[in-house]
Amino acid sequence: MTGLDGLAAIGLLLVIEGVLPFAAPAIWRDGFRRMLELSDGQLRFIGATSMLGGLFLLMMLN
């Protein structure tokens, strides 16, 4: 992976992350409000699950 591939990956991440706030800001805001109510342990579990899912997807693509 070159530096340009990494920048392309970050750019794609930003595009995907921006779709929901752009398309449905009220739904995004409600989801964000609900996340604020979660405990640290619940947020860590969601983060770990997301990272493991992303790693698995990257491994499957290579």
PDB file of N, CA and C in Angstrom:
ATOM      1  N   MET A   1       0.848  -1.176   0.000  1.00  0.00           N
ATOM      2  CA  MET A   1       0.000   0.000   0.000  1.00  0.00           C
ATOM      3  C   MET A   1       0.889   1.233   0.000  1.00  0.00           C
ATOM      4  N   THR A   2       0.630   2.104  -0.900  1.00  0.00           N
ATOM      5  CA  THR A   2       1.413   3.332  -0.975  1.00  0.00           C
ATOM      6  C   THR A   2       0.750   4.422  -0.160  1.00  0.00           C
ATOM      7  N   GLY A   3       1.425   5.530  -0.006  1.00  0.00           N
ATOM      8  CA  GLY A   3       0.868   6.660   0.714  1.00  0.00           C
ATOM      9  C   GLY A   3      -0.406   7.180   0.065  1.00  0.00           C
ATOM     10  N   LEU A   4      -0.441   7.130  -1.274  1.00  0.00           N
ATOM     11  CA  LEU A   4      -1.643   7.579  -1.972  1.00  0.00           C
ATOM     12  C   LEU A   4      -2.823   6.666  -1.705  1.00  0.00           C
ATOM     13  N   ASP A   5      -2.575   5.361  -1.555  1.00  0.00           N
ATOM     14  CA  ASP A   5      -3.650   4.432  -1.221  1.00  0.00           C
ATOM     15  C   ASP A   5      -4.222   4.759   0.159  1.00  0.00           C
ATOM     16  N   GLY A   6      -3.354   5.094   1.088  1.00  0.00           N
ATOM     17  CA  GLY A   6      -3.804   5.455   2.426  1.00  0.00           C
ATOM     18  C   GLY A   6      -4.647   6.714   2.411  1.00  0.00           C
ATOM     19  N   LEU A   7      -4.208   7.707   1.626  1.00  0.00           N
ATOM     20  CA  LEU A   7      -4.993   8.937   1.511  1.00  0.00           C
ATOM     21  C   LEU A   7      -6.337   8.673   0.840  1.00  0.00           C
ATOM     22  N   ALA A   8      -6.340   7.791  -0.157  1.00  0.00           N
ATOM     23  CA  ALA A   8      -7.596   7.440  -0.816  1.00  0.00           C
ATOM     24  C   ALA A   8      -8.535   6.744   0.165  1.00  0.00           C
ATOM     25  N   ALA A   9      -7.991   5.891   1.014  1.00  0.00           N
ATOM     26  CA  ALA A   9      -8.809   5.198   2.008  1.00  0.00           C
ATOM     27  C   ALA A   9      -9.400   6.193   3.008  1.00  0.00           C
ATOM     28  N   ILE A  10      -8.611   7.151   3.447  1.00  0.00           N
ATOM     29  CA  ILE A  10      -9.102   8.165   4.382  1.00  0.00           C
ATOM     30  C   ILE A  10     -10.168   9.027   3.702  1.00  0.00           C
ATOM     31  N   GLY A  11      -9.944   9.378   2.446  1.00  0.00           N
ATOM     32  CA  GLY A  11     -10.930  10.149   1.701  1.00  0.00           C
ATOM     33  C   GLY A  11     -12.248   9.403   1.568  1.00  0.00           C
ATOM     34  N   LEU A  12     -12.183   8.115   1.271  1.00  0.00           N
ATOM     35  CA  LEU A  12     -13.394   7.299   1.164  1.00  0.00           C
ATOM     36  C   LEU A  12     -14.103   7.211   2.503  1.00  0.00           C
ATOM     37  N   LEU A  13     -13.347   7.067   3.575  1.00  0.00           N
ATOM     38  CA  LEU A  13     -13.927   7.034   4.914  1.00  0.00           C
ATOM     39  C   LEU A  13     -14.687   8.327   5.200  1.00  0.00           C
ATOM     40  N   LEU A  14     -14.099   9.468   4.861  1.00  0.00           N
ATOM     41  CA  LEU A  14     -14.745  10.753   5.104  1.00  0.00           C
ATOM     42  C   LEU A  14     -16.028  10.901   4.286  1.00  0.00           C
ATOM     43  N   VAL A  15     -16.011  10.415   3.052  1.00  0.00           N
ATOM     44  CA  VAL A  15     -17.214  10.473   2.222  1.00  0.00           C
ATOM     45  C   VAL A  15     -18.319   9.622   2.846  1.00  0.00           C
ATOM     46  N   ILE A  16     -17.989   8.405   3.238  1.00  0.00           N
ATOM     47  CA  ILE A  16     -18.984   7.508   3.832  1.00  0.00           C
ATOM     48  C   ILE A  16     -19.510   8.076   5.143  1.00  0.00           C
ATOM     49  N   GLU A  17     -18.611   8.611   5.965  1.00  0.00           N
ATOM     50  CA  GLU A  17     -19.020   9.189   7.248  1.00  0.00           C
ATOM     51  C   GLU A  17     -19.927  10.403   7.059  1.00  0.00           C
ATOM     52  N   GLY A  18     -19.785  11.125   5.962  1.00  0.00           N
ATOM     53  CA  GLY A  18     -20.562  12.329   5.745  1.00  0.00           C
ATOM     54  C   GLY A  18     -21.913  12.111   5.099  1.00  0.00           C
ATOM     55  N   VAL A  19     -22.188  10.908   4.610  1.00  0.00           N
ATOM     56  CA  VAL A  19     -23.440  10.668   3.898  1.00  0.00           C
ATOM     57  C   VAL A  19     -24.648  10.846   4.814  1.00  0.00           C
ATOM     58  N   LEU A  20     -24.655  10.225   5.987  1.00  0.00           N
ATOM     59  CA  LEU A  20     -25.826  10.291   6.858  1.00  0.00           C
ATOM     60  C   LEU A  20     -26.094  11.705   7.383  1.00  0.00           C
ATOM     61  N   PRO A  21     -25.083  12.429   7.900  1.00  0.00           N
ATOM     62  CA  PRO A  21     -25.393  13.798   8.329  1.00  0.00           C
ATOM     63  C   PRO A  21     -25.888  14.695   7.190  1.00  0.00           C
ATOM     64  N   PHE A  22     -25.437  14.428   5.979  1.00  0.00           N
ATOM     65  CA  PHE A  22     -25.879  15.223   4.836  1.00  0.00           C
ATOM     66  C   PHE A  22     -27.297  14.850   4.420  1.00  0.00           C
ATOM     67  N   ALA A  23     -27.569  13.543   4.332  1.00  0.00           N
ATOM     68  CA  ALA A  23     -28.848  13.075   3.810  1.00  0.00           C
ATOM     69  C   ALA A  23     -29.969  13.117   4.843  1.00  0.00           C
ATOM     70  N   ALA A  24     -29.643  12.830   6.109  1.00  0.00           N
ATOM     71  CA  ALA A  24     -30.684  12.759   7.143  1.00  0.00           C
ATOM     72  C   ALA A  24     -30.137  13.306   8.458  1.00  0.00           C
ATOM     73  N   PRO A  25     -29.987  14.615   8.565  1.00  0.00           N
ATOM     74  CA  PRO A  25     -29.363  15.181   9.764  1.00  0.00           C
ATOM     75  C   PRO A  25     -30.133  14.899  11.061  1.00  0.00           C
ATOM     76  N   ALA A  26     -31.459  14.852  10.999  1.00  0.00           N
ATOM     77  CA  ALA A  26     -32.233  14.594  12.227  1.00  0.00           C
ATOM     78  C   ALA A  26     -31.985  13.176  12.740  1.00  0.00           C
ATOM     79  N   ILE A  27     -31.938  12.216  11.843  1.00  0.00           N
ATOM     80  CA  ILE A  27     -31.665  10.826  12.234  1.00  0.00           C
ATOM     81  C   ILE A  27     -30.253  10.710  12.783  1.00  0.00           C
ATOM     82  N   TRP A  28     -29.298  11.373  12.124  1.00  0.00           N
ATOM     83  CA  TRP A  28     -27.908  11.338  12.594  1.00  0.00           C
ATOM     84  C   TRP A  28     -27.793  11.954  13.985  1.00  0.00           C
ATOM     85  N   ARG A  29     -28.458  13.083  14.194  1.00  0.00           N
ATOM     86  CA  ARG A  29     -28.415  13.760  15.488  1.00  0.00           C
ATOM     87  C   ARG A  29     -29.021  12.887  16.582  1.00  0.00           C
ATOM     88  N   ASP A  30     -30.138  12.205  16.278  1.00  0.00           N
ATOM     89  CA  ASP A  30     -30.771  11.320  17.255  1.00  0.00           C
ATOM     90  C   ASP A  30     -29.849  10.148  17.590  1.00  0.00           C
ATOM     91  N   GLY A  31     -29.213   9.583  16.582  1.00  0.00           N
ATOM     92  CA  GLY A  31     -28.274   8.483  16.824  1.00  0.00           C
ATOM     93  C   GLY A  31     -27.085   8.925  17.652  1.00  0.00           C
ATOM     94  N   PHE A  32     -26.592  10.118  17.371  1.00  0.00           N
ATOM     95  CA  PHE A  32     -25.464  10.660  18.125  1.00  0.00           C
ATOM     96  C   PHE A  32     -25.864  10.903  19.578  1.00  0.00           C
ATOM     97  N   ARG A  33     -27.077  11.405  19.781  1.00  0.00           N
ATOM     98  CA  ARG A  33     -27.591  11.634  21.137  1.00  0.00           C
ATOM     99  C   ARG A  33     -27.684  10.312  21.910  1.00  0.00           C
ATOM    100  N   ARG A  34     -28.140   9.266  21.229  1.00  0.00           N
ATOM    101  CA  ARG A  34     -28.227   7.944  21.873  1.00  0.00           C
ATOM    102  C   ARG A  34     -26.848   7.403  22.228  1.00  0.00           C
ATOM    103  N   MET A  35     -25.862   7.651  21.369  1.00  0.00           N
ATOM    104  CA  MET A  35     -24.502   7.183  21.657  1.00  0.00           C
ATOM    105  C   MET A  35     -23.934   7.876  22.887  1.00  0.00           C
ATOM    106  N   LEU A  36     -24.300   9.144  23.096  1.00  0.00           N
ATOM    107  CA  LEU A  36     -23.822   9.873  24.264  1.00  0.00           C
ATOM    108  C   LEU A  36     -24.326   9.259  25.570  1.00  0.00           C
ATOM    109  N   GLU A  37     -25.447   8.553  25.499  1.00  0.00           N
ATOM    110  CA  GLU A  37     -26.031   7.936  26.689  1.00  0.00           C
ATOM    111  C   GLU A  37     -25.416   6.581  27.021  1.00  0.00           C
ATOM    112  N   LEU A  38     -24.625   6.023  26.108  1.00  0.00           N
ATOM    113  CA  LEU A  38     -24.013   4.714  26.349  1.00  0.00           C
ATOM    114  C   LEU A  38     -22.864   4.834  27.349  1.00  0.00           C
ATOM    115  N   SER A  39     -22.611   3.743  28.057  1.00  0.00           N
ATOM    116  CA  SER A  39     -21.485   3.728  28.996  1.00  0.00           C
ATOM    117  C   SER A  39     -20.173   3.582  28.224  1.00  0.00           C
ATOM    118  N   ASP A  40     -19.063   3.843  28.917  1.00  0.00           N
ATOM    119  CA  ASP A  40     -17.747   3.697  28.286  1.00  0.00           C
ATOM    120  C   ASP A  40     -17.529   2.267  27.794  1.00  0.00           C
ATOM    121  N   GLY A  41     -17.948   1.299  28.579  1.00  0.00           N
ATOM    122  CA  GLY A  41     -17.772  -0.101  28.190  1.00  0.00           C
ATOM    123  C   GLY A  41     -18.542  -0.446  26.929  1.00  0.00           C
ATOM    124  N   GLN A  42     -19.764   0.073  26.808  1.00  0.00           N
ATOM    125  CA  GLN A  42     -20.563  -0.186  25.611  1.00  0.00           C
ATOM    126  C   GLN A  42     -19.926   0.461  24.383  1.00  0.00           C
ATOM    127  N   LEU A  43     -19.428   1.680  24.551  1.00  0.00           N
ATOM    128  CA  LEU A  43     -18.765   2.346  23.429  1.00  0.00           C
ATOM    129  C   LEU A  43     -17.489   1.616  23.022  1.00  0.00           C
ATOM    130  N   ARG A  44     -16.738   1.130  24.006  1.00  0.00           N
ATOM    131  CA  ARG A  44     -15.521   0.375  23.693  1.00  0.00           C
ATOM    132  C   ARG A  44     -15.857  -0.909  22.936  1.00  0.00           C
ATOM    133  N   PHE A  45     -16.937  -1.579  23.341  1.00  0.00           N
ATOM    134  CA  PHE A  45     -17.347  -2.802  22.653  1.00  0.00           C
ATOM    135  C   PHE A  45     -17.722  -2.498  21.205  1.00  0.00           C
ATOM    136  N   ILE A  46     -18.490  -1.429  20.996  1.00  0.00           N
ATOM    137  CA  ILE A  46     -18.863  -1.044  19.632  1.00  0.00           C
ATOM    138  C   ILE A  46     -17.621  -0.701  18.813  1.00  0.00           C
ATOM    139  N   GLY A  47     -16.683   0.048  19.406  1.00  0.00           N
ATOM    140  CA  GLY A  47     -15.449   0.399  18.709  1.00  0.00           C
ATOM    141  C   GLY A  47     -14.611  -0.819  18.369  1.00  0.00           C
ATOM    142  N   ALA A  48     -14.477  -1.744  19.329  1.00  0.00           N
ATOM    143  CA  ALA A  48     -13.691  -2.961  19.088  1.00  0.00           C
ATOM    144  C   ALA A  48     -14.335  -3.819  18.007  1.00  0.00           C
ATOM    145  N   THR A  49     -15.660  -3.943  18.050  1.00  0.00           N
ATOM    146  CA  THR A  49     -16.365  -4.725  17.034  1.00  0.00           C
ATOM    147  C   THR A  49     -16.187  -4.103  15.654  1.00  0.00           C
ATOM    148  N   SER A  50     -16.255  -2.783  15.592  1.00  0.00           N
ATOM    149  CA  SER A  50     -16.067  -2.084  14.322  1.00  0.00           C
ATOM    150  C   SER A  50     -14.649  -2.293  13.786  1.00  0.00           C
ATOM    151  N   MET A  51     -13.656  -2.168  14.655  1.00  0.00           N
ATOM    152  CA  MET A  51     -12.270  -2.366  14.220  1.00  0.00           C
ATOM    153  C   MET A  51     -12.038  -3.794  13.740  1.00  0.00           C
ATOM    154  N   LEU A  52     -12.551  -4.772  14.483  1.00  0.00           N
ATOM    155  CA  LEU A  52     -12.372  -6.169  14.081  1.00  0.00           C
ATOM    156  C   LEU A  52     -13.085  -6.459  12.765  1.00  0.00           C
ATOM    157  N   GLY A  53     -14.270  -5.894  12.587  1.00  0.00           N
ATOM    158  CA  GLY A  53     -14.981  -6.058  11.321  1.00  0.00           C
ATOM    159  C   GLY A  53     -14.208  -5.442  10.162  1.00  0.00           C
ATOM    160  N   GLY A  54     -13.643  -4.266  10.385  1.00  0.00           N
ATOM    161  CA  GLY A  54     -12.837  -3.623   9.345  1.00  0.00           C
ATOM    162  C   GLY A  54     -11.583  -4.415   9.020  1.00  0.00           C
ATOM    163  N   LEU A  55     -10.915  -4.934  10.051  1.00  0.00           N
ATOM    164  CA  LEU A  55      -9.727  -5.768   9.816  1.00  0.00           C
ATOM    165  C   LEU A  55     -10.084  -7.027   9.039  1.00  0.00           C
ATOM    166  N   PHE A  56     -11.202  -7.649   9.419  1.00  0.00           N
ATOM    167  CA  PHE A  56     -11.641  -8.853   8.713  1.00  0.00           C
ATOM    168  C   PHE A  56     -11.923  -8.538   7.245  1.00  0.00           C
ATOM    169  N   LEU A  57     -12.603  -7.422   6.994  1.00  0.00           N
ATOM    170  CA  LEU A  57     -12.898  -7.038   5.609  1.00  0.00           C
ATOM    171  C   LEU A  57     -11.605  -6.788   4.824  1.00  0.00           C
ATOM    172  N   LEU A  58     -10.651  -6.088   5.437  1.00  0.00           N
ATOM    173  CA  LEU A  58      -9.374  -5.850   4.755  1.00  0.00           C
ATOM    174  C   LEU A  58      -8.630  -7.146   4.474  1.00  0.00           C
ATOM    175  N   MET A  59      -8.667  -8.077   5.415  1.00  0.00           N
ATOM    176  CA  MET A  59      -8.000  -9.370   5.197  1.00  0.00           C
ATOM    177  C   MET A  59      -8.671 -10.149   4.065  1.00  0.00           C
ATOM    178  N   MET A  60      -9.995 -10.047   3.978  1.00  0.00           N
ATOM    179  CA  MET A  60     -10.708 -10.760   2.909  1.00  0.00           C
ATOM    180  C   MET A  60     -10.411 -10.156   1.537  1.00  0.00           C
ATOM    181  N   LEU A  61     -10.142  -8.845   1.510  1.00  0.00           N
ATOM    182  CA  LEU A  61      -9.868  -8.189   0.225  1.00  0.00           C
ATOM    183  C   LEU A  61      -8.447  -8.448  -0.272  1.00  0.00           C
ATOM    184  N   ASN A  62      -7.551  -8.815   0.623  1.00  0.00           N
ATOM    185  CA  ASN A  62      -6.165  -9.064   0.210  1.00  0.00           C
ATOM    186  C   ASN A  62      -5.913 -10.500  -0.063  1.00  0.00           C
TER     187      ASN A  62
END
